[in-house]
Amino acid sequence: MLNTDFTEEKLELEKQLLRQAHLNLYNNKNKYAGVQFTNHMFEGETESINLNGTLESVDKVTLASINEAYQYI
């Protein structure tokens, strides 16, 4: 990894923040409705992808997968 300051602990903290953002979204009916509307309106297009990913995708992120994505870019 190019940035050696990014540790497993920092990754877990960021993942926890993303998980909390998702849970907060589900608890806010207006925001949740807006996200669902966007998902249905733009189904199959990049606009339907949530910038924070999904709860499932957050759990799949590892330091190795971040490095691989960075190298790809």
N, C-alpha and C. Protein backbone atom coordinates (compact mmCIF):
# COMPACT_ATOMS: atom_id res chain seq x y z
N MET A 1 0.86 -1.18 0.00
CA MET A 1 0.00 0.00 0.00
C MET A 1 0.89 1.23 0.00
N LEU A 2 0.54 2.21 -0.78
CA LEU A 2 1.36 3.39 -0.90
C LEU A 2 1.32 4.27 0.33
N ASN A 3 0.18 4.40 0.98
CA ASN A 3 0.06 5.21 2.18
C ASN A 3 0.13 4.28 3.39
N THR A 4 1.30 4.22 4.00
CA THR A 4 1.48 3.29 5.11
C THR A 4 0.80 3.77 6.38
N ASP A 5 0.31 5.01 6.40
CA ASP A 5 -0.41 5.51 7.57
C ASP A 5 -1.82 4.94 7.66
N PHE A 6 -2.31 4.36 6.58
CA PHE A 6 -3.66 3.81 6.58
C PHE A 6 -3.59 2.38 7.10
N THR A 7 -4.00 2.21 8.34
CA THR A 7 -3.87 0.92 9.03
C THR A 7 -5.20 0.18 9.05
N GLU A 8 -5.12 -1.06 9.50
CA GLU A 8 -6.32 -1.88 9.66
C GLU A 8 -7.29 -1.23 10.64
N GLU A 9 -6.75 -0.61 11.70
CA GLU A 9 -7.60 0.06 12.69
C GLU A 9 -8.35 1.24 12.08
N LYS A 10 -7.64 2.02 11.26
CA LYS A 10 -8.30 3.15 10.59
C LYS A 10 -9.35 2.67 9.60
N LEU A 11 -9.05 1.58 8.91
CA LEU A 11 -10.02 1.01 7.99
C LEU A 11 -11.28 0.58 8.73
N GLU A 12 -11.12 -0.09 9.86
CA GLU A 12 -12.28 -0.54 10.64
C GLU A 12 -13.09 0.65 11.15
N LEU A 13 -12.42 1.73 11.53
CA LEU A 13 -13.13 2.93 11.97
C LEU A 13 -13.96 3.51 10.82
N GLU A 14 -13.37 3.61 9.64
CA GLU A 14 -14.10 4.14 8.48
C GLU A 14 -15.27 3.24 8.11
N LYS A 15 -15.07 1.94 8.20
CA LYS A 15 -16.15 1.00 7.90
C LYS A 15 -17.28 1.15 8.90
N GLN A 16 -16.94 1.37 10.17
CA GLN A 16 -17.97 1.57 11.20
C GLN A 16 -18.75 2.86 10.92
N LEU A 17 -18.06 3.92 10.49
CA LEU A 17 -18.73 5.17 10.16
C LEU A 17 -19.70 4.98 8.99
N LEU A 18 -19.29 4.20 7.99
CA LEU A 18 -20.17 3.92 6.86
C LEU A 18 -21.37 3.09 7.28
N ARG A 19 -21.14 2.10 8.14
CA ARG A 19 -22.26 1.29 8.64
C ARG A 19 -23.26 2.17 9.38
N GLN A 20 -22.75 3.10 10.20
CA GLN A 20 -23.63 3.99 10.95
C GLN A 20 -24.40 4.91 10.00
N ALA A 21 -23.75 5.38 8.94
CA ALA A 21 -24.44 6.22 7.95
C ALA A 21 -25.59 5.46 7.32
N HIS A 22 -25.38 4.18 7.02
CA HIS A 22 -26.45 3.37 6.45
C HIS A 22 -27.61 3.19 7.43
N LEU A 23 -27.28 2.90 8.67
CA LEU A 23 -28.33 2.72 9.67
C LEU A 23 -29.09 4.02 9.90
N ASN A 24 -28.40 5.14 9.90
CA ASN A 24 -29.08 6.43 10.05
C ASN A 24 -30.01 6.70 8.88
N LEU A 25 -29.59 6.31 7.69
CA LEU A 25 -30.43 6.49 6.51
C LEU A 25 -31.72 5.69 6.65
N TYR A 26 -31.61 4.45 7.08
CA TYR A 26 -32.79 3.60 7.23
C TYR A 26 -33.75 4.15 8.28
N ASN A 27 -33.22 4.87 9.27
CA ASN A 27 -34.06 5.43 10.32
C ASN A 27 -34.67 6.77 9.96
N ASN A 28 -34.22 7.37 8.85
CA ASN A 28 -34.77 8.64 8.38
C ASN A 28 -35.65 8.36 7.16
N LYS A 29 -36.96 8.34 7.38
CA LYS A 29 -37.88 7.91 6.32
C LYS A 29 -37.82 8.78 5.07
N ASN A 30 -37.64 10.11 5.24
CA ASN A 30 -37.58 11.00 4.08
C ASN A 30 -36.35 10.73 3.23
N LYS A 31 -35.19 10.62 3.87
CA LYS A 31 -33.96 10.34 3.13
C LYS A 31 -34.02 8.95 2.49
N TYR A 32 -34.52 7.98 3.24
CA TYR A 32 -34.62 6.62 2.72
C TYR A 32 -35.53 6.57 1.49
N ALA A 33 -36.64 7.29 1.56
CA ALA A 33 -37.56 7.34 0.41
C ALA A 33 -36.88 7.96 -0.79
N GLY A 34 -36.09 9.00 -0.56
CA GLY A 34 -35.37 9.65 -1.66
C GLY A 34 -34.36 8.72 -2.31
N VAL A 35 -33.66 7.96 -1.49
CA VAL A 35 -32.68 7.01 -2.02
C VAL A 35 -33.39 5.91 -2.81
N GLN A 36 -34.48 5.40 -2.28
CA GLN A 36 -35.23 4.36 -2.98
C GLN A 36 -35.80 4.88 -4.30
N PHE A 37 -36.27 6.11 -4.30
CA PHE A 37 -36.78 6.73 -5.53
C PHE A 37 -35.67 6.78 -6.58
N THR A 38 -34.49 7.24 -6.15
CA THR A 38 -33.35 7.34 -7.08
C THR A 38 -32.97 5.95 -7.60
N ASN A 39 -32.97 4.96 -6.73
CA ASN A 39 -32.64 3.59 -7.15
C ASN A 39 -33.60 3.09 -8.22
N HIS A 40 -34.88 3.34 -8.04
CA HIS A 40 -35.87 2.87 -9.02
C HIS A 40 -35.87 3.72 -10.29
N MET A 41 -35.67 5.01 -10.13
CA MET A 41 -35.69 5.92 -11.28
C MET A 41 -34.52 5.63 -12.23
N PHE A 42 -33.36 5.33 -11.65
CA PHE A 42 -32.15 5.13 -12.45
C PHE A 42 -31.67 3.69 -12.41
N GLU A 43 -32.57 2.76 -12.25
CA GLU A 43 -32.21 1.35 -12.15
C GLU A 43 -31.33 0.92 -13.32
N GLY A 44 -30.20 0.29 -13.00
CA GLY A 44 -29.29 -0.18 -14.03
C GLY A 44 -28.30 0.87 -14.51
N GLU A 45 -28.37 2.08 -13.98
CA GLU A 45 -27.46 3.15 -14.37
C GLU A 45 -26.59 3.54 -13.18
N THR A 46 -25.48 4.21 -13.47
CA THR A 46 -24.55 4.56 -12.40
C THR A 46 -25.16 5.51 -11.37
N GLU A 47 -26.16 6.29 -11.76
CA GLU A 47 -26.79 7.21 -10.81
C GLU A 47 -27.51 6.49 -9.68
N SER A 48 -27.81 5.22 -9.87
CA SER A 48 -28.54 4.48 -8.85
C SER A 48 -27.61 3.92 -7.77
N ILE A 49 -26.30 4.05 -7.96
CA ILE A 49 -25.34 3.50 -7.01
C ILE A 49 -25.11 4.49 -5.88
N ASN A 50 -25.31 4.04 -4.66
CA ASN A 50 -25.09 4.87 -3.48
C ASN A 50 -23.59 5.08 -3.29
N LEU A 51 -23.17 6.32 -3.08
CA LEU A 51 -21.75 6.61 -2.91
C LEU A 51 -21.14 5.88 -1.72
N ASN A 52 -21.94 5.55 -0.72
CA ASN A 52 -21.45 4.84 0.45
C ASN A 52 -21.52 3.34 0.28
N GLY A 53 -21.93 2.87 -0.88
CA GLY A 53 -22.06 1.43 -1.11
C GLY A 53 -23.25 0.87 -0.36
N THR A 54 -23.17 -0.39 -0.03
CA THR A 54 -24.21 -1.06 0.74
C THR A 54 -23.59 -1.60 2.02
N LEU A 55 -24.42 -1.98 2.96
CA LEU A 55 -23.89 -2.58 4.18
C LEU A 55 -23.05 -3.82 3.85
N GLU A 56 -23.51 -4.59 2.89
CA GLU A 56 -22.79 -5.80 2.50
C GLU A 56 -21.44 -5.47 1.86
N SER A 57 -21.42 -4.43 1.02
CA SER A 57 -20.16 -4.09 0.35
C SER A 57 -19.16 -3.48 1.31
N VAL A 58 -19.62 -2.77 2.33
CA VAL A 58 -18.72 -2.19 3.33
C VAL A 58 -17.95 -3.30 4.03
N ASP A 59 -18.62 -4.37 4.36
CA ASP A 59 -17.97 -5.48 5.08
C ASP A 59 -16.93 -6.20 4.23
N LYS A 60 -17.03 -6.11 2.92
CA LYS A 60 -16.10 -6.80 2.03
C LYS A 60 -14.80 -6.04 1.79
N VAL A 61 -14.74 -4.78 2.19
CA VAL A 61 -13.55 -3.96 1.93
C VAL A 61 -12.40 -4.39 2.84
N THR A 62 -11.23 -4.56 2.23
CA THR A 62 -10.02 -4.89 2.98
C THR A 62 -8.90 -3.95 2.52
N LEU A 63 -7.82 -3.91 3.27
CA LEU A 63 -6.67 -3.10 2.85
C LEU A 63 -6.15 -3.57 1.49
N ALA A 64 -6.17 -4.86 1.28
CA ALA A 64 -5.71 -5.41 0.00
C ALA A 64 -6.62 -4.98 -1.15
N SER A 65 -7.93 -4.98 -0.92
CA SER A 65 -8.85 -4.57 -2.01
C SER A 65 -8.74 -3.08 -2.30
N ILE A 66 -8.45 -2.28 -1.27
CA ILE A 66 -8.24 -0.85 -1.49
C ILE A 66 -6.99 -0.63 -2.32
N ASN A 67 -5.92 -1.33 -1.97
CA ASN A 67 -4.67 -1.21 -2.72
C ASN A 67 -4.85 -1.65 -4.16
N GLU A 68 -5.58 -2.74 -4.36
CA GLU A 68 -5.83 -3.24 -5.72
C GLU A 68 -6.61 -2.21 -6.54
N ALA A 69 -7.62 -1.61 -5.94
CA ALA A 69 -8.41 -0.59 -6.64
C ALA A 69 -7.56 0.63 -6.94
N TYR A 70 -6.70 1.02 -6.00
CA TYR A 70 -5.82 2.16 -6.21
C TYR A 70 -4.86 1.89 -7.35
N GLN A 71 -4.29 0.71 -7.41
CA GLN A 71 -3.37 0.35 -8.49
C GLN A 71 -4.07 0.34 -9.85
N TYR A 72 -5.34 -0.05 -9.84
CA TYR A 72 -6.13 -0.09 -11.08
C TYR A 72 -6.32 1.31 -11.65
N ILE A 73 -6.54 2.27 -10.73
CA ILE A 73 -6.75 3.65 -11.15
C ILE A 73 -5.46 4.21 -11.68
